[in-house]
Amino acid sequence: MNKITISLGGKDFDIKLEGEFGKKFEADFKEKFKGRNTIDPKELLFAYVGKCYDNFLLEAEIVKIIEKIEEV
């Protein structure tokens, strides 16, 4: 189990994640916030919007692949 403590807006939050997702999340979090555990709420919001956009692009790509498969 991976435990990450994040300080946000003067409060500490513990996040506990298991398995491969926990490892991936921790690595992505460290990369995004340059190893810092104290982050500004604005930074977190921008990171969230960025991840939502990444998800949007992935979903669009999946739809394209499904359409190509259905054509066959």
C-alpha atoms as a PDB file:
ATOM      1  CA  MET A   1       0.000   0.000   0.000  1.00  0.00           C
ATOM      2  CA  ASN A   2       1.303   3.448  -0.930  1.00  0.00           C
ATOM      3  CA  LYS A   3       0.604   6.296   1.475  1.00  0.00           C
ATOM      4  CA  ILE A   4       1.056   9.831   0.219  1.00  0.00           C
ATOM      5  CA  THR A   5       0.604  12.890   2.412  1.00  0.00           C
ATOM      6  CA  ILE A   6      -0.352  16.052   0.570  1.00  0.00           C
ATOM      7  CA  SER A   7      -0.476  19.494   2.164  1.00  0.00           C
ATOM      8  CA  LEU A   8      -3.124  21.578   0.472  1.00  0.00           C
ATOM      9  CA  GLY A   9      -4.342  24.927   1.701  1.00  0.00           C
ATOM     10  CA  GLY A  10      -2.634  24.451   5.072  1.00  0.00           C
ATOM     11  CA  LYS A  11      -4.181  21.027   5.724  1.00  0.00           C
ATOM     12  CA  ASP A  12      -2.579  17.605   5.400  1.00  0.00           C
ATOM     13  CA  PHE A  13      -4.383  14.839   3.550  1.00  0.00           C
ATOM     14  CA  ASP A  14      -3.306  11.189   3.601  1.00  0.00           C
ATOM     15  CA  ILE A  15      -4.049   9.183   0.489  1.00  0.00           C
ATOM     16  CA  LYS A  16      -3.698   5.405   0.651  1.00  0.00           C
ATOM     17  CA  LEU A  17      -3.601   3.502  -2.631  1.00  0.00           C
ATOM     18  CA  GLU A  18      -2.871  -0.140  -3.392  1.00  0.00           C
ATOM     19  CA  GLY A  19      -1.217  -2.102  -6.147  1.00  0.00           C
ATOM     20  CA  GLU A  20       0.009  -0.877  -9.488  1.00  0.00           C
ATOM     21  CA  PHE A  21      -2.329   2.107  -9.439  1.00  0.00           C
ATOM     22  CA  GLY A  22      -0.751   3.310  -6.197  1.00  0.00           C
ATOM     23  CA  LYS A  23       2.744   3.065  -7.686  1.00  0.00           C
ATOM     24  CA  LYS A  24       1.702   4.834 -10.886  1.00  0.00           C
ATOM     25  CA  PHE A  25      -0.165   7.578  -9.030  1.00  0.00           C
ATOM     26  CA  GLU A  26       2.771   8.260  -6.736  1.00  0.00           C
ATOM     27  CA  ALA A  27       5.216   8.444  -9.659  1.00  0.00           C
ATOM     28  CA  ASP A  28       2.909  10.731 -11.667  1.00  0.00           C
ATOM     29  CA  PHE A  29       2.268  12.944  -8.635  1.00  0.00           C
ATOM     30  CA  LYS A  30       5.981  13.319  -7.904  1.00  0.00           C
ATOM     31  CA  GLU A  31       6.673  14.149 -11.551  1.00  0.00           C
ATOM     32  CA  LYS A  32       3.832  16.659 -11.850  1.00  0.00           C
ATOM     33  CA  PHE A  33       4.642  18.498  -8.623  1.00  0.00           C
ATOM     34  CA  LYS A  34       8.428  18.033  -8.798  1.00  0.00           C
ATOM     35  CA  GLY A  35       8.608  15.909  -5.644  1.00  0.00           C
ATOM     36  CA  ARG A  36       6.829  18.474  -3.463  1.00  0.00           C
ATOM     37  CA  ASN A  37       4.108  17.430  -1.026  1.00  0.00           C
ATOM     38  CA  THR A  38       2.901  20.972  -0.372  1.00  0.00           C
ATOM     39  CA  ILE A  39       0.935  22.285  -3.312  1.00  0.00           C
ATOM     40  CA  ASP A  40      -1.202  25.300  -4.050  1.00  0.00           C
ATOM     41  CA  PRO A  41      -4.932  24.650  -4.690  1.00  0.00           C
ATOM     42  CA  LYS A  42      -4.580  26.422  -8.052  1.00  0.00           C
ATOM     43  CA  GLU A  43      -1.843  23.968  -9.081  1.00  0.00           C
ATOM     44  CA  LEU A  44      -4.061  21.042  -8.121  1.00  0.00           C
ATOM     45  CA  LEU A  45      -6.942  22.468 -10.137  1.00  0.00           C
ATOM     46  CA  PHE A  46      -4.751  22.918 -13.220  1.00  0.00           C
ATOM     47  CA  ALA A  47      -3.412  19.374 -12.816  1.00  0.00           C
ATOM     48  CA  TYR A  48      -6.978  18.052 -12.599  1.00  0.00           C
ATOM     49  CA  VAL A  49      -8.038  19.938 -15.720  1.00  0.00           C
ATOM     50  CA  GLY A  50      -4.961  18.600 -17.521  1.00  0.00           C
ATOM     51  CA  LYS A  51      -5.822  15.009 -16.554  1.00  0.00           C
ATOM     52  CA  CYS A  52      -9.428  15.554 -17.692  1.00  0.00           C
ATOM     53  CA  TYR A  53      -8.145  16.757 -21.060  1.00  0.00           C
ATOM     54  CA  ASP A  54      -5.850  13.730 -21.346  1.00  0.00           C
ATOM     55  CA  ASN A  55      -8.844  11.508 -20.598  1.00  0.00           C
ATOM     56  CA  PHE A  56     -10.924  13.322 -23.220  1.00  0.00           C
ATOM     57  CA  LEU A  57      -8.246  12.682 -25.858  1.00  0.00           C
ATOM     58  CA  LEU A  58      -7.960   9.014 -24.904  1.00  0.00           C
ATOM     59  CA  GLU A  59     -11.718   8.525 -25.078  1.00  0.00           C
ATOM     60  CA  ALA A  60     -11.826  10.139 -28.522  1.00  0.00           C
ATOM     61  CA  GLU A  61      -9.059   7.808 -29.692  1.00  0.00           C
ATOM     62  CA  ILE A  62     -10.917   4.780 -28.317  1.00  0.00           C
ATOM     63  CA  VAL A  63     -14.059   5.813 -30.209  1.00  0.00           C
ATOM     64  CA  LYS A  64     -12.028   6.059 -33.435  1.00  0.00           C
ATOM     65  CA  ILE A  65     -10.549   2.598 -32.888  1.00  0.00           C
ATOM     66  CA  ILE A  66     -13.985   1.108 -32.153  1.00  0.00           C
ATOM     67  CA  GLU A  67     -15.369   2.664 -35.341  1.00  0.00           C
ATOM     68  CA  LYS A  68     -12.511   1.177 -37.380  1.00  0.00           C
ATOM     69  CA  ILE A  69     -13.090  -2.243 -35.834  1.00  0.00           C
ATOM     70  CA  GLU A  70     -16.811  -2.087 -36.575  1.00  0.00           C
ATOM     71  CA  GLU A  71     -16.055  -1.303 -40.225  1.00  0.00           C
ATOM     72  CA  VAL A  72     -14.180  -4.580 -40.606  1.00  0.00           C
END
